[in-house]
Amino acid sequence: MPKTLLDLRSTKPLLELVSHGRGGPKGSLHFSADQIAAIDRTTRRVPEVMVKVLPKDSNNLGSVARHLDYIGRYGKLELETDNGERVQGKDAGQRLLEDWDLDLDEHRKQMGLASVSGRAPKLVYKIMLSMPPGTPAKGVLEAARNFAREEFALKHRYALVLHTDEPHPHAHLVVKAMSEHGVRLNISPATLREWRREFARLLRDQGIAANATERAVRGETRTPKTDGIFRATKRGDSTHTRARAEAVAAELLKGDLRIEPGKSTVIATRKKVESGWRAASDILIAQGHPELAAQVRRFMDQMSPPRTNKELIAAELIRRTRQPRARDQQPTR
């Protein structure tokens, strides 16, 4: 049995879903109650949280003000701040810039005092906390408030607002990059993984089922799109998505869908994930949780085949071409 399984609490990515287990009697491995709960949530496919840092336009005053105005829906929504104030109006973005002294940070940047790398440092971080459609918006807002308070209060200035004008309720959080003590916020992949776990925990505190695991552990292979591609795809005008789809369609028409170089990595990752889940099932049986062990095995059986992005696009194209044919073949009444 492999000793390293899938670690939930580790800052490492991917295969760490459920931690190594702890040493039990005679050196055997066993799961804690929290780890068992995490396995249960994952294998029941409890809704996954999304915590995303938006990548663009965070390093100059004008773009930051425009983003603050945008998330405030140009004066229609209140922005909640770290000191409990509510800021609203068409000039909300500019008022926050002045309150946060971002013009001073901008001046330092222009004078070359804020960065030695030659790359303009961020004035703010634009963070989005989101849940799937149907999640209670009030609970998402309260969890987002608690998240912001726990992570940034008395350190980094921030503003928060909830959006419910799309099917998935989500909170926008704008955080000043430089703290009140002169420490710059740095967000690593490990930071994002920890934030996802914390946001999921805070949602559960609100009575909302929420989970935070890696895609590969759940048997998913689709890589996340950049924010610009994601939004353009939703509007139906993503040139990136369209170009990829057209290229795959051309290969399908020729009957020659070329395998991507990353296919072997996808398969190898899946084998490791399955090995970890099998080991987890064995440990659960040894700990007296046969029902959850059976749930783990069903979860593994229901995983989609490991596929690359190109294969996923091809499968979607084939599905769409078959839909009209299936409708045409339905008997009329």
Protein backbone atom coordinates (compact mmCIF):
# COMPACT_ATOMS: atom_id res chain seq x y z
CA MET A 1 0.00 0.00 0.00
CA PRO A 2 1.50 3.40 -0.88
CA LYS A 3 2.31 5.51 2.14
CA THR A 4 1.66 8.84 0.43
CA LEU A 5 -1.98 9.20 -0.51
CA LEU A 6 -3.68 12.43 -1.40
CA ASP A 7 -3.17 15.22 1.16
CA LEU A 8 -5.97 17.69 1.91
CA ARG A 9 -4.02 19.96 4.20
CA SER A 10 -0.73 20.04 2.34
CA THR A 11 0.24 23.09 0.32
CA LYS A 12 1.35 20.78 -2.49
CA PRO A 13 -0.89 20.52 -5.53
CA LEU A 14 -2.70 17.68 -7.21
CA LEU A 15 -2.45 14.29 -5.61
CA GLU A 16 -2.73 15.34 -1.99
CA LEU A 17 -6.42 14.92 -1.38
CA VAL A 18 -6.48 13.28 1.95
CA SER A 19 -3.11 13.48 3.80
CA HIS A 20 -0.82 10.60 4.52
CA GLY A 21 -2.98 9.32 7.30
CA ARG A 22 -1.60 9.15 10.79
CA GLY A 23 0.25 6.36 12.47
CA GLY A 24 -2.17 4.06 14.27
CA PRO A 25 -1.77 0.82 16.17
CA LYS A 26 1.27 -1.17 15.08
CA GLY A 27 2.21 1.53 12.61
CA SER A 28 -0.93 1.24 10.49
CA LEU A 29 -2.32 4.30 8.75
CA HIS A 30 -5.64 5.85 9.67
CA PHE A 31 -7.65 8.95 8.82
CA SER A 32 -8.79 11.65 11.21
CA ALA A 33 -12.44 12.62 11.47
CA ASP A 34 -11.79 15.73 9.37
CA GLN A 35 -10.10 13.68 6.67
CA ILE A 36 -12.95 11.17 6.61
CA ALA A 37 -15.40 14.07 6.22
CA ALA A 38 -13.29 15.40 3.33
CA ILE A 39 -13.33 12.01 1.60
CA ASP A 40 -17.08 11.83 2.02
CA ARG A 41 -17.60 15.31 0.55
CA THR A 42 -15.36 14.61 -2.40
CA THR A 43 -16.83 11.24 -3.30
CA ARG A 44 -20.37 12.65 -3.02
CA ARG A 45 -19.24 15.43 -5.38
CA VAL A 46 -20.22 18.24 -3.05
CA PRO A 47 -20.09 21.59 -4.95
CA GLU A 48 -16.58 22.93 -5.36
CA VAL A 49 -15.71 26.50 -4.48
CA MET A 50 -13.85 28.77 -6.86
CA VAL A 51 -11.30 31.30 -5.67
CA LYS A 52 -9.72 33.18 -8.54
CA VAL A 53 -7.31 36.10 -8.87
CA LEU A 54 -8.19 38.14 -11.95
CA PRO A 55 -4.98 38.69 -13.87
CA LYS A 56 -5.19 42.04 -15.65
CA ASP A 57 -5.19 45.78 -15.00
CA SER A 58 -4.15 45.92 -11.37
CA ASN A 59 -1.06 48.09 -11.60
CA ASN A 60 -2.29 51.60 -12.41
CA LEU A 61 -4.74 53.97 -10.76
CA GLY A 62 -7.08 54.30 -13.71
CA SER A 63 -7.64 50.58 -14.19
CA VAL A 64 -8.12 50.01 -10.44
CA ALA A 65 -10.71 52.78 -10.26
CA ARG A 66 -12.54 51.38 -13.28
CA HIS A 67 -12.64 47.91 -11.73
CA LEU A 68 -13.99 49.26 -8.44
CA ASP A 69 -16.66 51.18 -10.35
CA TYR A 70 -17.48 48.06 -12.36
CA ILE A 71 -17.95 45.76 -9.37
CA GLY A 72 -20.08 48.48 -7.75
CA ARG A 73 -22.17 48.43 -10.92
CA TYR A 74 -21.38 52.11 -11.45
CA GLY A 75 -23.05 53.31 -8.29
CA LYS A 76 -25.88 50.81 -7.98
CA LEU A 77 -24.23 48.53 -5.39
CA GLU A 78 -22.55 49.25 -2.06
CA LEU A 79 -18.92 48.32 -1.58
CA GLU A 80 -18.21 47.07 1.95
CA THR A 81 -14.77 48.05 3.24
CA ASP A 82 -12.42 46.61 5.84
CA ASN A 83 -13.34 49.32 8.36
CA GLY A 84 -17.06 48.64 8.06
CA GLU A 85 -17.93 51.57 5.81
CA ARG A 86 -20.32 51.31 2.86
CA VAL A 87 -19.15 53.18 -0.23
CA GLN A 88 -21.61 53.80 -3.04
CA GLY A 89 -21.90 56.13 -5.99
CA LYS A 90 -20.39 56.73 -9.40
CA ASP A 91 -17.22 58.09 -7.75
CA ALA A 92 -16.83 55.14 -5.34
CA GLY A 93 -13.69 53.89 -7.07
CA GLN A 94 -11.93 57.25 -6.88
CA ARG A 95 -12.91 57.70 -3.23
CA LEU A 96 -11.39 54.35 -2.33
CA LEU A 97 -8.19 55.15 -4.24
CA GLU A 98 -7.78 58.27 -2.14
CA ASP A 99 -8.69 56.52 1.12
CA TRP A 100 -6.17 53.76 0.47
CA ASP A 101 -3.40 56.21 -0.57
CA LEU A 102 -2.94 54.30 -3.81
CA ASP A 103 -1.68 57.48 -5.46
CA LEU A 104 1.35 57.23 -3.17
CA ASP A 105 2.00 53.66 -4.29
CA GLU A 106 1.58 54.80 -7.90
CA HIS A 107 4.12 57.56 -7.32
CA ARG A 108 6.62 55.11 -5.84
CA LYS A 109 6.15 52.85 -8.83
CA GLN A 110 6.78 55.68 -11.27
CA MET A 111 9.90 56.69 -9.36
CA GLY A 112 11.19 53.12 -9.60
CA LEU A 113 11.10 52.66 -5.84
CA ALA A 114 8.52 49.88 -5.71
CA SER A 115 10.14 47.30 -7.92
CA VAL A 116 13.66 46.30 -8.94
CA SER A 117 12.52 43.77 -11.53
CA GLY A 118 11.42 46.31 -14.11
CA ARG A 119 7.90 44.96 -13.91
CA ALA A 120 5.20 47.28 -12.58
CA PRO A 121 3.98 45.90 -9.25
CA LYS A 122 0.30 45.44 -8.57
CA LEU A 123 -1.47 48.15 -6.64
CA VAL A 124 -4.32 45.76 -5.76
CA TYR A 125 -5.32 42.15 -6.12
CA LYS A 126 -8.72 41.45 -7.68
CA ILE A 127 -10.13 38.26 -6.17
CA MET A 128 -13.38 36.47 -7.00
CA LEU A 129 -15.06 34.00 -4.62
CA SER A 130 -17.72 31.97 -6.38
CA MET A 131 -20.13 29.05 -5.99
CA PRO A 132 -22.32 27.14 -8.49
CA PRO A 133 -25.85 28.25 -9.42
CA GLY A 134 -28.44 27.57 -6.76
CA THR A 135 -26.16 28.38 -3.82
CA PRO A 136 -27.83 30.77 -1.33
CA ALA A 137 -26.44 34.22 -2.08
CA LYS A 138 -26.75 35.39 1.52
CA GLY A 139 -24.51 32.56 2.71
CA VAL A 140 -21.93 33.29 0.01
CA LEU A 141 -21.80 36.94 1.08
CA GLU A 142 -21.42 36.08 4.76
CA ALA A 143 -18.69 33.52 4.03
CA ALA A 144 -16.89 36.06 1.82
CA ARG A 145 -17.10 38.68 4.58
CA ASN A 146 -15.62 36.26 7.09
CA PHE A 147 -12.93 35.20 4.63
CA ALA A 148 -11.87 38.80 4.00
CA ARG A 149 -11.89 39.59 7.71
CA GLU A 150 -9.81 36.54 8.66
CA GLU A 151 -7.27 36.95 5.87
CA PHE A 152 -6.81 40.72 5.62
CA ALA A 153 -8.31 42.65 8.57
CA LEU A 154 -5.86 45.11 10.21
CA LYS A 155 -3.32 44.27 7.51
CA HIS A 156 -4.56 45.05 4.00
CA ARG A 157 -7.28 47.50 3.03
CA TYR A 158 -10.06 45.88 1.02
CA ALA A 159 -13.52 46.33 -0.49
CA LEU A 160 -16.13 43.62 -1.04
CA VAL A 161 -19.36 43.31 -2.99
CA LEU A 162 -21.74 40.47 -3.90
CA HIS A 163 -23.00 39.94 -7.45
CA THR A 164 -26.20 38.01 -8.04
CA ASP A 165 -26.91 39.11 -11.62
CA GLU A 166 -25.43 35.88 -12.98
CA PRO A 167 -26.60 32.32 -12.17
CA HIS A 168 -23.62 31.65 -9.90
CA PRO A 169 -23.49 33.96 -6.84
CA HIS A 170 -20.03 35.41 -6.43
CA ALA A 171 -18.25 38.04 -4.38
CA HIS A 172 -15.65 40.43 -5.75
CA LEU A 173 -12.88 41.31 -3.31
CA VAL A 174 -10.33 44.03 -4.08
CA VAL A 175 -7.34 43.98 -1.73
CA LYS A 176 -4.63 46.62 -1.51
CA ALA A 177 -1.34 44.90 -2.36
CA MET A 178 0.73 46.87 0.14
CA SER A 179 -0.28 46.35 3.76
CA GLU A 180 -0.60 49.11 6.34
CA HIS A 181 2.75 47.89 7.72
CA GLY A 182 4.58 48.10 4.39
CA VAL A 183 4.44 44.38 3.61
CA ARG A 184 3.47 43.42 0.07
CA LEU A 185 0.92 40.66 -0.46
CA ASN A 186 2.21 37.79 -2.59
CA ILE A 187 -0.20 35.13 -3.83
CA SER A 188 1.27 31.75 -4.77
CA PRO A 189 -0.52 28.61 -6.00
CA ALA A 190 -0.24 27.31 -2.43
CA THR A 191 -1.96 30.48 -1.18
CA LEU A 192 -4.85 29.93 -3.58
CA ARG A 193 -5.25 26.31 -2.48
CA GLU A 194 -5.37 27.37 1.16
CA TRP A 195 -7.86 30.13 0.36
CA ARG A 196 -10.13 27.63 -1.40
CA ARG A 197 -10.10 25.37 1.65
CA GLU A 198 -10.83 28.29 3.97
CA PHE A 199 -13.66 29.64 1.83
CA ALA A 200 -15.20 26.16 1.65
CA ARG A 201 -14.96 25.82 5.44
CA LEU A 202 -16.60 29.21 5.97
CA LEU A 203 -19.40 28.27 3.58
CA ARG A 204 -19.99 25.07 5.54
CA ASP A 205 -20.22 27.24 8.67
CA GLN A 206 -23.15 28.93 6.92
CA GLY A 207 -24.82 25.55 6.34
CA ILE A 208 -23.80 25.43 2.66
CA ALA A 209 -22.30 22.22 1.30
CA ALA A 210 -18.91 23.18 -0.12
CA ASN A 211 -15.66 21.43 -0.94
CA ALA A 212 -12.17 22.32 -2.17
CA THR A 213 -10.15 19.62 -3.93
CA GLU A 214 -7.85 19.42 -6.93
CA ARG A 215 -9.32 18.69 -10.36
CA ALA A 216 -7.19 15.61 -10.95
CA VAL A 217 -8.29 14.07 -7.67
CA ARG A 218 -11.91 14.38 -8.81
CA GLY A 219 -11.08 12.71 -12.11
CA GLU A 220 -11.29 15.96 -14.09
CA THR A 221 -8.65 16.82 -16.65
CA ARG A 222 -9.91 20.06 -18.17
CA THR A 223 -7.50 22.90 -17.42
CA PRO A 224 -9.01 26.22 -16.31
CA LYS A 225 -9.27 28.99 -18.90
CA THR A 226 -7.85 32.44 -18.28
CA ASP A 227 -10.47 34.90 -17.12
CA GLY A 228 -10.62 36.67 -20.49
CA ILE A 229 -11.14 33.41 -22.40
CA PHE A 230 -13.72 32.24 -19.86
CA ARG A 231 -15.80 35.41 -20.16
CA ALA A 232 -15.51 35.54 -23.94
CA THR A 233 -16.57 31.89 -24.17
CA LYS A 234 -19.67 32.65 -22.10
CA ARG A 235 -20.50 35.48 -24.52
CA GLY A 236 -19.82 33.18 -27.46
CA ASP A 237 -17.09 35.35 -28.97
CA SER A 238 -13.83 33.83 -27.74
CA THR A 239 -11.40 33.77 -30.68
CA HIS A 240 -9.13 31.44 -28.69
CA THR A 241 -11.89 28.88 -28.11
CA ARG A 242 -13.15 29.19 -31.67
CA ALA A 243 -9.68 28.69 -33.14
CA ARG A 244 -9.08 25.60 -30.99
CA ALA A 245 -12.47 24.16 -31.92
CA GLU A 246 -11.92 24.80 -35.64
CA ALA A 247 -8.50 23.13 -35.53
CA VAL A 248 -9.92 20.06 -33.77
CA ALA A 249 -12.88 19.93 -36.18
CA ALA A 250 -10.49 19.93 -39.14
CA GLU A 251 -8.61 16.96 -37.69
CA LEU A 252 -11.88 15.11 -37.04
CA LEU A 253 -12.99 15.63 -40.65
CA LYS A 254 -9.73 14.11 -41.83
CA GLY A 255 -10.20 11.21 -39.43
CA ASP A 256 -6.86 12.03 -37.86
CA LEU A 257 -7.16 13.45 -34.34
CA ARG A 258 -3.52 13.81 -33.38
CA ILE A 259 -2.63 12.95 -29.80
CA GLU A 260 -1.24 15.82 -27.75
CA PRO A 261 2.20 15.42 -26.15
CA GLY A 262 0.64 15.79 -22.69
CA LYS A 263 -1.50 12.67 -23.03
CA SER A 264 1.04 10.45 -21.30
CA THR A 265 1.19 12.86 -18.36
CA VAL A 266 -2.60 12.86 -18.07
CA ILE A 267 -2.65 9.05 -17.99
CA ALA A 268 0.21 8.84 -15.48
CA THR A 269 -1.52 11.33 -13.20
CA ARG A 270 -4.76 9.36 -13.33
CA LYS A 271 -2.94 6.15 -12.38
CA LYS A 272 -1.47 7.85 -9.32
CA VAL A 273 -4.86 9.25 -8.34
CA GLU A 274 -6.51 5.84 -8.66
CA SER A 275 -3.73 4.23 -6.65
CA GLY A 276 -4.27 6.79 -3.87
CA TRP A 277 -8.02 6.25 -3.85
CA ARG A 278 -7.59 2.45 -3.68
CA ALA A 279 -5.26 2.88 -0.71
CA ALA A 280 -7.78 5.21 0.93
CA SER A 281 -10.50 2.58 0.46
CA ASP A 282 -8.33 -0.06 2.13
CA ILE A 283 -7.64 2.20 5.11
CA LEU A 284 -11.32 3.04 5.49
CA ILE A 285 -12.21 -0.65 5.59
CA ALA A 286 -9.53 -1.25 8.24
CA GLN A 287 -10.96 1.66 10.29
CA GLY A 288 -14.47 0.24 10.17
CA HIS A 289 -15.98 2.44 7.44
CA PRO A 290 -17.01 -0.11 4.78
CA GLU A 291 -19.85 2.07 3.45
CA LEU A 292 -17.53 4.99 2.76
CA ALA A 293 -14.95 2.62 1.25
CA ALA A 294 -17.66 1.37 -1.14
CA GLN A 295 -18.54 4.99 -1.92
CA VAL A 296 -14.88 5.61 -2.81
CA ARG A 297 -14.89 2.67 -5.21
CA ARG A 298 -18.10 3.86 -6.87
CA PHE A 299 -16.56 7.32 -7.19
CA MET A 300 -13.55 5.82 -8.97
CA ASP A 301 -15.77 3.76 -11.29
CA GLN A 302 -17.69 6.90 -12.29
CA MET A 303 -14.62 8.96 -13.20
CA SER A 304 -14.54 10.04 -16.83
CA PRO A 305 -11.68 8.62 -18.91
CA PRO A 306 -8.50 10.71 -18.68
CA ARG A 307 -8.54 13.03 -21.69
CA THR A 308 -6.55 16.00 -22.88
CA ASN A 309 -8.12 19.36 -23.70
CA LYS A 310 -8.12 18.49 -27.40
CA GLU A 311 -9.93 15.21 -26.73
CA LEU A 312 -12.49 17.04 -24.59
CA ILE A 313 -13.12 19.54 -27.38
CA ALA A 314 -13.47 16.68 -29.89
CA ALA A 315 -15.96 14.87 -27.66
CA GLU A 316 -18.04 18.03 -27.30
CA LEU A 317 -18.02 18.63 -31.09
CA ILE A 318 -19.16 15.05 -31.72
CA ARG A 319 -21.89 15.38 -29.11
CA ARG A 320 -23.19 18.56 -30.71
CA THR A 321 -23.24 17.09 -34.21
CA ARG A 322 -25.24 14.09 -32.96
CA GLN A 323 -27.86 16.19 -31.15
CA PRO A 324 -29.76 17.39 -34.27
CA ARG A 325 -29.62 13.87 -35.75
CA ALA A 326 -31.11 12.40 -32.56
CA ARG A 327 -33.92 14.98 -32.60
CA ASP A 328 -34.67 14.24 -36.28
CA GLN A 329 -34.97 10.53 -35.53
CA GLN A 330 -37.51 11.00 -32.74
CA PRO A 331 -41.01 9.79 -33.75
CA THR A 332 -43.63 12.47 -34.25
CA ARG A 333 -46.89 12.30 -32.35
